[in-house]
Amino acid sequence: MPKAQETAVYTHGHHESVLRSHTWRTAANSAAYLIGSLKPHMKVLDVGCGPGTITADLAALVPDGHVTGVDHAAGILDRARATAAERGLDNVDFAVADVHALDYPDDTFCVVHAHQVLQHVGDPVQALREMHRVTRPGGFVAVRDSDYAAMTWYPESAGLDDWLDLYRRVARANGGEPDAGRRLKAWALAAGFTDVTATSATWTFSTPEEREWWSGLWADRTVASAYAERATGGGHATRDRLAAVAEAWREWGRREDAWFAVLHGEVLCRKDA
């Protein structure tokens, strides 16, 4: 098996402000492009499963099959196991894994899924080659990633401009690619896939509740998460600058006319039979 290992550092970490976002994710709001290809009997690998909310949804969608959720961070898997247990799911398990060198035989899974993963890994093409390897002929690799440079908002905000510039610099210094969404098709082709369906989708935050939630989690993440430590520790920003960015998020969230859209690239890649 390939010996490549993860070289990037996960920018966000697992602070509460990060999990506030991750636990909101469902198959419906984060994997709709895949749902129509799922069959009840399928065996699924969910790469970078985090707290397991999408994993649990996938398990419910393949009641006669099985889902394995894997993550590079061992600590988050207890949360994922609790998510599955709370929902009474018995067709799901979890393990630690590095997507660059998956510890599974060739042709193991009907579907390999990864949501918001490739933007954080050191070698996304190698990751896709591994996902291809463990997928059965005729099966699918499904990958979705946001694209930070394509995120857009209203009204204009110098503070949010600063947030975006700073985030992209920190993410790249950590070995990732924050504008992954636009690159997924190219990465899939470079990994050897020949049958690639590329789509896109958005999250939009506009209602008072959505604005409060989205601005609040980013304000908190900017000053209190692992991202904050990496921004200051890497010499990208001072604590005062991060505090100013956090306040810009809160000011944006208080605006009645505020609107924010997150663009995602998606690829559904069929492995040749």
C-alpha atoms as a PDB file:
ATOM      1  CA  MET A   1       0.000   0.000   0.000  1.00  0.00           C
ATOM      2  CA  PRO A   2       1.152   3.618  -0.485  1.00  0.00           C
ATOM      3  CA  LYS A   3       3.286   4.973   2.334  1.00  0.00           C
ATOM      4  CA  ALA A   4       2.421   8.642   1.829  1.00  0.00           C
ATOM      5  CA  GLN A   5       1.430  10.381   5.031  1.00  0.00           C
ATOM      6  CA  GLU A   6      -0.475  13.517   5.892  1.00  0.00           C
ATOM      7  CA  THR A   7       1.777  16.577   5.794  1.00  0.00           C
ATOM      8  CA  ALA A   8      -0.769  19.382   6.240  1.00  0.00           C
ATOM      9  CA  VAL A   9      -2.015  20.724   9.565  1.00  0.00           C
ATOM     10  CA  TYR A  10      -5.795  20.886  10.032  1.00  0.00           C
ATOM     11  CA  THR A  11      -6.406  24.623  10.182  1.00  0.00           C
ATOM     12  CA  HIS A  12      -9.580  24.701  12.274  1.00  0.00           C
ATOM     13  CA  GLY A  13      -9.066  22.137  15.026  1.00  0.00           C
ATOM     14  CA  HIS A  14     -12.117  20.990  16.988  1.00  0.00           C
ATOM     15  CA  HIS A  15     -12.994  23.969  19.176  1.00  0.00           C
ATOM     16  CA  GLU A  16     -16.694  24.306  20.041  1.00  0.00           C
ATOM     17  CA  SER A  17     -17.058  27.080  17.460  1.00  0.00           C
ATOM     18  CA  VAL A  18     -15.862  24.655  14.782  1.00  0.00           C
ATOM     19  CA  LEU A  19     -18.111  21.810  15.926  1.00  0.00           C
ATOM     20  CA  ARG A  20     -21.024  24.260  15.963  1.00  0.00           C
ATOM     21  CA  SER A  21     -20.686  24.286  12.186  1.00  0.00           C
ATOM     22  CA  HIS A  22     -19.716  20.646  11.691  1.00  0.00           C
ATOM     23  CA  THR A  23     -22.634  19.246  13.687  1.00  0.00           C
ATOM     24  CA  TRP A  24     -25.060  21.354  11.633  1.00  0.00           C
ATOM     25  CA  ARG A  25     -24.096  19.460   8.486  1.00  0.00           C
ATOM     26  CA  THR A  26     -26.416  16.781   7.152  1.00  0.00           C
ATOM     27  CA  ALA A  27     -26.540  14.625   4.050  1.00  0.00           C
ATOM     28  CA  ALA A  28     -29.360  16.875   2.812  1.00  0.00           C
ATOM     29  CA  ASN A  29     -27.459  20.169   3.144  1.00  0.00           C
ATOM     30  CA  SER A  30     -23.979  18.829   2.399  1.00  0.00           C
ATOM     31  CA  ALA A  31     -24.217  15.716   0.195  1.00  0.00           C
ATOM     32  CA  ALA A  32     -27.379  16.136  -1.876  1.00  0.00           C
ATOM     33  CA  TYR A  33     -25.416  15.498  -5.083  1.00  0.00           C
ATOM     34  CA  LEU A  34     -24.625  11.961  -3.826  1.00  0.00           C
ATOM     35  CA  ILE A  35     -27.942  10.873  -2.310  1.00  0.00           C
ATOM     36  CA  GLY A  36     -29.521   9.802  -5.603  1.00  0.00           C
ATOM     37  CA  SER A  37     -26.674   7.348  -6.248  1.00  0.00           C
ATOM     38  CA  LEU A  38     -27.019   5.535  -2.910  1.00  0.00           C
ATOM     39  CA  LYS A  39     -28.658   2.093  -2.728  1.00  0.00           C
ATOM     40  CA  PRO A  40     -29.854   0.394   0.488  1.00  0.00           C
ATOM     41  CA  HIS A  41     -27.219  -2.376   0.349  1.00  0.00           C
ATOM     42  CA  MET A  42     -24.134  -0.221  -0.216  1.00  0.00           C
ATOM     43  CA  LYS A  43     -20.901  -0.290   1.774  1.00  0.00           C
ATOM     44  CA  VAL A  44     -19.717   3.308   2.300  1.00  0.00           C
ATOM     45  CA  LEU A  45     -16.508   4.934   3.566  1.00  0.00           C
ATOM     46  CA  ASP A  46     -16.903   8.469   4.933  1.00  0.00           C
ATOM     47  CA  VAL A  47     -13.467  10.129   4.975  1.00  0.00           C
ATOM     48  CA  GLY A  48     -12.890  12.979   7.421  1.00  0.00           C
ATOM     49  CA  CYS A  49     -16.131  12.191   9.220  1.00  0.00           C
ATOM     50  CA  GLY A  50     -15.605  14.616  12.121  1.00  0.00           C
ATOM     51  CA  PRO A  51     -18.478  14.486  14.636  1.00  0.00           C
ATOM     52  CA  GLY A  52     -20.379  12.061  12.407  1.00  0.00           C
ATOM     53  CA  THR A  53     -23.604  13.851  11.531  1.00  0.00           C
ATOM     54  CA  ILE A  54     -23.256  13.234   7.782  1.00  0.00           C
ATOM     55  CA  THR A  55     -21.953   9.730   8.499  1.00  0.00           C
ATOM     56  CA  ALA A  56     -25.069   8.921  10.505  1.00  0.00           C
ATOM     57  CA  ASP A  57     -27.300  10.229   7.725  1.00  0.00           C
ATOM     58  CA  LEU A  58     -25.470   8.060   5.197  1.00  0.00           C
ATOM     59  CA  ALA A  59     -25.924   5.027   7.451  1.00  0.00           C
ATOM     60  CA  ALA A  60     -29.663   5.697   7.615  1.00  0.00           C
ATOM     61  CA  LEU A  61     -29.741   5.885   3.809  1.00  0.00           C
ATOM     62  CA  VAL A  62     -28.091   2.446   3.396  1.00  0.00           C
ATOM     63  CA  PRO A  63     -30.062   0.429   5.997  1.00  0.00           C
ATOM     64  CA  ASP A  64     -29.028  -2.930   4.509  1.00  0.00           C
ATOM     65  CA  GLY A  65     -25.432  -1.819   4.022  1.00  0.00           C
ATOM     66  CA  HIS A  66     -22.694  -0.422   6.238  1.00  0.00           C
ATOM     67  CA  VAL A  67     -20.851   2.876   6.723  1.00  0.00           C
ATOM     68  CA  THR A  68     -17.348   3.308   8.097  1.00  0.00           C
ATOM     69  CA  GLY A  69     -16.407   6.803   9.224  1.00  0.00           C
ATOM     70  CA  VAL A  70     -12.714   7.652   9.440  1.00  0.00           C
ATOM     71  CA  ASP A  71     -10.859  10.732  10.617  1.00  0.00           C
ATOM     72  CA  HIS A  72      -7.230  11.721  11.101  1.00  0.00           C
ATOM     73  CA  ALA A  73      -8.057  13.102  14.576  1.00  0.00           C
ATOM     74  CA  ALA A  74      -8.744  10.265  17.005  1.00  0.00           C
ATOM     75  CA  GLY A  75     -10.359  12.533  19.608  1.00  0.00           C
ATOM     76  CA  ILE A  76     -13.350  13.506  17.473  1.00  0.00           C
ATOM     77  CA  LEU A  77     -14.393   9.882  16.895  1.00  0.00           C
ATOM     78  CA  ASP A  78     -15.937   9.544  20.366  1.00  0.00           C
ATOM     79  CA  ARG A  79     -18.302  12.343  19.385  1.00  0.00           C
ATOM     80  CA  ALA A  80     -19.074  10.534  16.117  1.00  0.00           C
ATOM     81  CA  ARG A  81     -19.779   7.263  17.919  1.00  0.00           C
ATOM     82  CA  ALA A  82     -22.117   9.086  20.300  1.00  0.00           C
ATOM     83  CA  THR A  83     -23.949  10.653  17.325  1.00  0.00           C
ATOM     84  CA  ALA A  84     -24.557   7.213  15.809  1.00  0.00           C
ATOM     85  CA  ALA A  85     -25.590   5.723  19.161  1.00  0.00           C
ATOM     86  CA  GLU A  86     -28.069   8.525  19.822  1.00  0.00           C
ATOM     87  CA  ARG A  87     -29.738   7.710  16.508  1.00  0.00           C
ATOM     88  CA  GLY A  88     -29.847   3.968  17.198  1.00  0.00           C
ATOM     89  CA  LEU A  89     -27.704   3.068  14.191  1.00  0.00           C
ATOM     90  CA  ASP A  90     -26.005  -0.331  14.249  1.00  0.00           C
ATOM     91  CA  ASN A  91     -24.614  -0.350  10.702  1.00  0.00           C
ATOM     92  CA  VAL A  92     -21.802   2.149  11.277  1.00  0.00           C
ATOM     93  CA  ASP A  93     -18.321   2.041  12.771  1.00  0.00           C
ATOM     94  CA  PHE A  94     -15.430   4.483  13.122  1.00  0.00           C
ATOM     95  CA  ALA A  95     -11.637   4.349  12.886  1.00  0.00           C
ATOM     96  CA  VAL A  96      -8.560   6.563  12.676  1.00  0.00           C
ATOM     97  CA  ALA A  97      -7.142   6.870   9.146  1.00  0.00           C
ATOM     98  CA  ASP A  98      -4.903   8.953   6.893  1.00  0.00           C
ATOM     99  CA  VAL A  99      -6.573   9.485   3.517  1.00  0.00           C
ATOM    100  CA  HIS A 100      -3.161   9.440   1.809  1.00  0.00           C
ATOM    101  CA  ALA A 101      -2.687   5.783   2.845  1.00  0.00           C
ATOM    102  CA  LEU A 102      -5.988   4.111   3.701  1.00  0.00           C
ATOM    103  CA  ASP A 103      -5.723   0.828   5.585  1.00  0.00           C
ATOM    104  CA  TYR A 104      -8.286  -1.016   3.454  1.00  0.00           C
ATOM    105  CA  PRO A 105      -7.868  -3.515   0.613  1.00  0.00           C
ATOM    106  CA  ASP A 106      -8.470  -2.597  -3.013  1.00  0.00           C
ATOM    107  CA  ASP A 107     -12.109  -2.560  -4.175  1.00  0.00           C
ATOM    108  CA  THR A 108     -13.644  -2.559  -0.671  1.00  0.00           C
ATOM    109  CA  PHE A 109     -16.370   0.110  -0.786  1.00  0.00           C
ATOM    110  CA  CYS A 110     -19.289   0.904  -3.090  1.00  0.00           C
ATOM    111  CA  VAL A 111     -18.984   4.622  -2.264  1.00  0.00           C
ATOM    112  CA  VAL A 112     -16.176   6.700  -0.765  1.00  0.00           C
ATOM    113  CA  HIS A 113     -17.325  10.138   0.399  1.00  0.00           C
ATOM    114  CA  ALA A 114     -15.388  13.165   1.670  1.00  0.00           C
ATOM    115  CA  HIS A 115     -16.909  16.496   2.665  1.00  0.00           C
ATOM    116  CA  GLN A 116     -14.629  19.524   3.243  1.00  0.00           C
ATOM    117  CA  VAL A 117     -11.563  17.276   3.397  1.00  0.00           C
ATOM    118  CA  LEU A 118      -9.353  17.827   0.356  1.00  0.00           C
ATOM    119  CA  GLN A 119      -8.886  21.524   1.161  1.00  0.00           C
ATOM    120  CA  HIS A 120      -7.042  20.468   4.304  1.00  0.00           C
ATOM    121  CA  VAL A 121      -4.775  17.656   3.065  1.00  0.00           C
ATOM    122  CA  GLY A 122      -1.197  17.893   1.870  1.00  0.00           C
ATOM    123  CA  ASP A 123      -1.643  15.914  -1.368  1.00  0.00           C
ATOM    124  CA  PRO A 124      -5.255  15.929  -2.604  1.00  0.00           C
ATOM    125  CA  VAL A 125      -4.415  13.983  -5.781  1.00  0.00           C
ATOM    126  CA  GLN A 126      -2.808  11.184  -3.757  1.00  0.00           C
ATOM    127  CA  ALA A 127      -5.843  11.246  -1.456  1.00  0.00           C
ATOM    128  CA  LEU A 128      -8.126  10.778  -4.458  1.00  0.00           C
ATOM    129  CA  ARG A 129      -5.930   7.947  -5.773  1.00  0.00           C
ATOM    130  CA  GLU A 130      -6.363   6.179  -2.449  1.00  0.00           C
ATOM    131  CA  MET A 131     -10.109   6.790  -2.480  1.00  0.00           C
ATOM    132  CA  HIS A 132     -10.164   5.378  -6.033  1.00  0.00           C
ATOM    133  CA  ARG A 133      -8.141   2.328  -4.973  1.00  0.00           C
ATOM    134  CA  VAL A 134     -10.503   1.280  -2.185  1.00  0.00           C
ATOM    135  CA  THR A 135     -13.636   1.829  -4.309  1.00  0.00           C
ATOM    136  CA  ARG A 136     -15.157  -1.137  -6.109  1.00  0.00           C
ATOM    137  CA  PRO A 137     -15.301  -1.079  -9.930  1.00  0.00           C
ATOM    138  CA  GLY A 138     -18.530   0.688 -10.899  1.00  0.00           C
ATOM    139  CA  GLY A 139     -18.642   2.474  -7.551  1.00  0.00           C
ATOM    140  CA  PHE A 140     -18.356   6.165  -6.767  1.00  0.00           C
ATOM    141  CA  VAL A 141     -16.006   8.611  -5.111  1.00  0.00           C
ATOM    142  CA  ALA A 142     -17.962  11.690  -4.004  1.00  0.00           C
ATOM    143  CA  VAL A 143     -16.078  14.804  -2.895  1.00  0.00           C
ATOM    144  CA  ARG A 144     -17.339  18.269  -1.956  1.00  0.00           C
ATOM    145  CA  ASP A 145     -15.238  21.261  -0.881  1.00  0.00           C
ATOM    146  CA  SER A 146     -15.876  24.935  -0.372  1.00  0.00           C
ATOM    147  CA  ASP A 147     -13.987  27.604  -2.294  1.00  0.00           C
ATOM    148  CA  TYR A 148     -13.008  30.514  -0.076  1.00  0.00           C
ATOM    149  CA  ALA A 149     -12.095  32.943  -2.853  1.00  0.00           C
ATOM    150  CA  ALA A 150     -15.586  32.425  -4.293  1.00  0.00           C
ATOM    151  CA  MET A 151     -17.389  33.215  -1.033  1.00  0.00           C
ATOM    152  CA  THR A 152     -19.327  36.446  -1.289  1.00  0.00           C
ATOM    153  CA  TRP A 153     -21.313  38.687   1.006  1.00  0.00           C
ATOM    154  CA  TYR A 154     -23.221  41.919   1.381  1.00  0.00           C
ATOM    155  CA  PRO A 155     -22.719  44.614   2.502  1.00  0.00           C
ATOM    156  CA  GLU A 156     -19.061  45.270   1.794  1.00  0.00           C
ATOM    157  CA  SER A 157     -16.869  44.982   4.865  1.00  0.00           C
ATOM    158  CA  ALA A 158     -13.170  45.771   5.113  1.00  0.00           C
ATOM    159  CA  GLY A 159     -13.061  43.511   8.170  1.00  0.00           C
ATOM    160  CA  LEU A 160     -14.426  40.526   6.258  1.00  0.00           C
ATOM    161  CA  ASP A 161     -12.040  41.275   3.392  1.00  0.00           C
ATOM    162  CA  ASP A 162      -9.265  41.040   5.971  1.00  0.00           C
ATOM    163  CA  TRP A 163     -10.748  37.787   7.328  1.00  0.00           C
ATOM    164  CA  LEU A 164     -10.727  36.182   3.884  1.00  0.00           C
ATOM    165  CA  ASP A 165      -7.190  37.282   3.061  1.00  0.00           C
ATOM    166  CA  LEU A 166      -5.905  36.137   6.433  1.00  0.00           C
ATOM    167  CA  TYR A 167      -7.719  32.803   6.378  1.00  0.00           C
ATOM    168  CA  ARG A 168      -6.380  31.889   2.942  1.00  0.00           C
ATOM    169  CA  ARG A 169      -2.817  32.733   3.965  1.00  0.00           C
ATOM    170  CA  VAL A 170      -3.051  30.717   7.194  1.00  0.00           C
ATOM    171  CA  ALA A 171      -4.612  27.714   5.438  1.00  0.00           C
ATOM    172  CA  ARG A 172      -1.916  27.662   2.777  1.00  0.00           C
ATOM    173  CA  ALA A 173       0.829  28.020   5.376  1.00  0.00           C
ATOM    174  CA  ASN A 174      -0.649  24.927   7.019  1.00  0.00           C
ATOM    175  CA  GLY A 175      -0.253  22.986   3.765  1.00  0.00           C
ATOM    176  CA  GLY A 176      -3.859  23.133   2.540  1.00  0.00           C
ATOM    177  CA  GLU A 177      -5.671  24.733  -0.388  1.00  0.00           C
ATOM    178  CA  PRO A 178      -8.628  26.890   0.716  1.00  0.00           C
ATOM    179  CA  ASP A 179      -9.860  27.374  -2.862  1.00  0.00           C
ATOM    180  CA  ALA A 180     -10.278  23.629  -3.332  1.00  0.00           C
ATOM    181  CA  GLY A 181     -13.793  23.706  -4.765  1.00  0.00           C
ATOM    182  CA  ARG A 182     -12.724  24.917  -8.194  1.00  0.00           C
ATOM    183  CA  ARG A 183      -9.892  22.367  -8.327  1.00  0.00           C
ATOM    184  CA  LEU A 184     -11.812  19.152  -7.594  1.00  0.00           C
ATOM    185  CA  LYS A 185     -12.431  18.192 -11.215  1.00  0.00           C
ATOM    186  CA  ALA A 186      -8.777  18.777 -12.148  1.00  0.00           C
ATOM    187  CA  TRP A 187      -7.583  16.800  -9.119  1.00  0.00           C
ATOM    188  CA  ALA A 188      -9.942  13.914  -9.944  1.00  0.00           C
ATOM    189  CA  LEU A 189      -8.676  13.739 -13.521  1.00  0.00           C
ATOM    190  CA  ALA A 190      -5.072  13.869 -12.306  1.00  0.00           C
ATOM    191  CA  ALA A 191      -5.854  10.979  -9.934  1.00  0.00           C
ATOM    192  CA  GLY A 192      -6.924   8.811 -12.869  1.00  0.00           C
ATOM    193  CA  PHE A 193     -10.691   9.122 -12.942  1.00  0.00           C
ATOM    194  CA  THR A 194     -12.182   9.290 -16.437  1.00  0.00           C
ATOM    195  CA  ASP A 195     -15.905   9.494 -15.556  1.00  0.00           C
ATOM    196  CA  VAL A 196     -16.262  12.712 -13.533  1.00  0.00           C
ATOM    197  CA  THR A 197     -19.486  14.681 -13.040  1.00  0.00           C
ATOM    198  CA  ALA A 198     -18.718  18.152 -11.681  1.00  0.00           C
ATOM    199  CA  THR A 199     -21.417  20.276 -10.045  1.00  0.00           C
ATOM    200  CA  SER A 200     -21.679  23.091  -7.520  1.00  0.00           C
ATOM    201  CA  ALA A 201     -23.980  24.123  -4.708  1.00  0.00           C
ATOM    202  CA  THR A 202     -24.216  26.845  -2.079  1.00  0.00           C
ATOM    203  CA  TRP A 203     -25.018  27.500   1.527  1.00  0.00           C
ATOM    204  CA  THR A 204     -26.735  30.856   2.028  1.00  0.00           C
ATOM    205  CA  PHE A 205     -27.081  32.717   5.340  1.00  0.00           C
ATOM    206  CA  SER A 206     -29.544  35.595   5.407  1.00  0.00           C
ATOM    207  CA  THR A 207     -32.307  35.244   8.007  1.00  0.00           C
ATOM    208  CA  PRO A 208     -31.732  36.782  11.457  1.00  0.00           C
ATOM    209  CA  GLU A 209     -31.113  33.327  12.925  1.00  0.00           C
ATOM    210  CA  GLU A 210     -28.733  32.332  10.122  1.00  0.00           C
ATOM    211  CA  ARG A 211     -26.798  35.588  10.360  1.00  0.00           C
ATOM    212  CA  GLU A 212     -26.427  35.311  14.117  1.00  0.00           C
ATOM    213  CA  TRP A 213     -25.268  31.691  13.891  1.00  0.00           C
ATOM    214  CA  TRP A 214     -22.819  32.122  10.993  1.00  0.00           C
ATOM    215  CA  SER A 215     -21.297  35.386  12.202  1.00  0.00           C
ATOM    216  CA  GLY A 216     -21.087  34.141  15.780  1.00  0.00           C
ATOM    217  CA  LEU A 217     -19.270  30.927  14.985  1.00  0.00           C
ATOM    218  CA  TRP A 218     -16.756  32.713  12.759  1.00  0.00           C
ATOM    219  CA  ALA A 219     -16.214  35.462  15.327  1.00  0.00           C
ATOM    220  CA  ASP A 220     -15.551  32.872  18.011  1.00  0.00           C
ATOM    221  CA  ARG A 221     -13.422  30.704  15.701  1.00  0.00           C
ATOM    222  CA  THR A 222     -11.269  33.711  14.795  1.00  0.00           C
ATOM    223  CA  VAL A 223     -10.207  34.388  18.381  1.00  0.00           C
ATOM    224  CA  ALA A 224     -10.590  31.097  20.260  1.00  0.00           C
ATOM    225  CA  SER A 225      -9.942  28.077  17.984  1.00  0.00           C
ATOM    226  CA  ALA A 226      -6.795  26.349  16.737  1.00  0.00           C
ATOM    227  CA  TYR A 227      -7.022  28.687  13.749  1.00  0.00           C
ATOM    228  CA  ALA A 228      -6.360  31.637  16.074  1.00  0.00           C
ATOM    229  CA  GLU A 229      -3.283  29.924  17.500  1.00  0.00           C
ATOM    230  CA  ARG A 230      -1.964  29.156  14.019  1.00  0.00           C
ATOM    231  CA  ALA A 231      -2.640  32.684  12.793  1.00  0.00           C
ATOM    232  CA  THR A 232      -0.707  34.257  15.657  1.00  0.00           C
ATOM    233  CA  GLY A 233       1.896  31.529  16.057  1.00  0.00           C
ATOM    234  CA  GLY A 234       2.712  31.650  12.362  1.00  0.00           C
ATOM    235  CA  GLY A 235       3.186  35.405  12.417  1.00  0.00           C
ATOM    236  CA  HIS A 236       0.174  36.084  10.189  1.00  0.00           C
ATOM    237  CA  ALA A 237      -1.792  38.237  12.655  1.00  0.00           C
ATOM    238  CA  THR A 238      -1.737  39.754  16.108  1.00  0.00           C
ATOM    239  CA  ARG A 239      -4.394  39.102  18.733  1.00  0.00           C
ATOM    240  CA  ASP A 240      -5.639  42.655  18.228  1.00  0.00           C
ATOM    241  CA  ARG A 241      -6.070  42.055  14.507  1.00  0.00           C
ATOM    242  CA  LEU A 242      -8.013  38.851  15.159  1.00  0.00           C
ATOM    243  CA  ALA A 243     -10.237  40.695  17.632  1.00  0.00           C
ATOM    244  CA  ALA A 244     -10.961  43.341  14.999  1.00  0.00           C
ATOM    245  CA  VAL A 245     -11.891  40.644  12.470  1.00  0.00           C
ATOM    246  CA  ALA A 246     -14.171  38.984  15.019  1.00  0.00           C
ATOM    247  CA  GLU A 247     -15.929  42.286  15.681  1.00  0.00           C
ATOM    248  CA  ALA A 248     -16.363  42.814  11.931  1.00  0.00           C
ATOM    249  CA  TRP A 249     -18.146  39.458  11.796  1.00  0.00           C
ATOM    250  CA  ARG A 250     -20.486  40.483  14.615  1.00  0.00           C
ATOM    251  CA  GLU A 251     -21.169  43.860  13.011  1.00  0.00           C
ATOM    252  CA  TRP A 252     -22.020  42.113   9.737  1.00  0.00           C
ATOM    253  CA  GLY A 253     -24.342  39.704  11.542  1.00  0.00           C
ATOM    254  CA  ARG A 254     -26.303  42.595  13.087  1.00  0.00           C
ATOM    255  CA  ARG A 255     -27.118  44.097   9.686  1.00  0.00           C
ATOM    256  CA  GLU A 256     -30.708  43.423   8.619  1.00  0.00           C
ATOM    257  CA  ASP A 257     -29.660  43.459   4.958  1.00  0.00           C
ATOM    258  CA  ALA A 258     -26.687  41.121   5.441  1.00  0.00           C
ATOM    259  CA  TRP A 259     -26.288  38.088   3.160  1.00  0.00           C
ATOM    260  CA  PHE A 260     -23.510  35.504   2.798  1.00  0.00           C
ATOM    261  CA  ALA A 261     -23.051  32.699   0.257  1.00  0.00           C
ATOM    262  CA  VAL A 262     -20.592  29.803   0.397  1.00  0.00           C
ATOM    263  CA  LEU A 263     -19.849  28.153  -2.952  1.00  0.00           C
ATOM    264  CA  HIS A 264     -18.942  24.446  -3.036  1.00  0.00           C
ATOM    265  CA  GLY A 265     -17.453  22.436  -5.843  1.00  0.00           C
ATOM    266  CA  GLU A 266     -18.634  18.823  -6.074  1.00  0.00           C
ATOM    267  CA  VAL A 267     -17.432  15.837  -8.064  1.00  0.00           C
ATOM    268  CA  LEU A 268     -19.092  12.446  -8.415  1.00  0.00           C
ATOM    269  CA  CYS A 269     -16.474  10.119  -9.893  1.00  0.00           C
ATOM    270  CA  ARG A 270     -17.363   6.628 -11.123  1.00  0.00           C
ATOM    271  CA  LYS A 271     -14.600   4.020 -11.034  1.00  0.00           C
ATOM    272  CA  ASP A 272     -14.297   2.142 -14.296  1.00  0.00           C
ATOM    273  CA  ALA A 273     -15.869  -1.308 -14.120  1.00  0.00           C
END
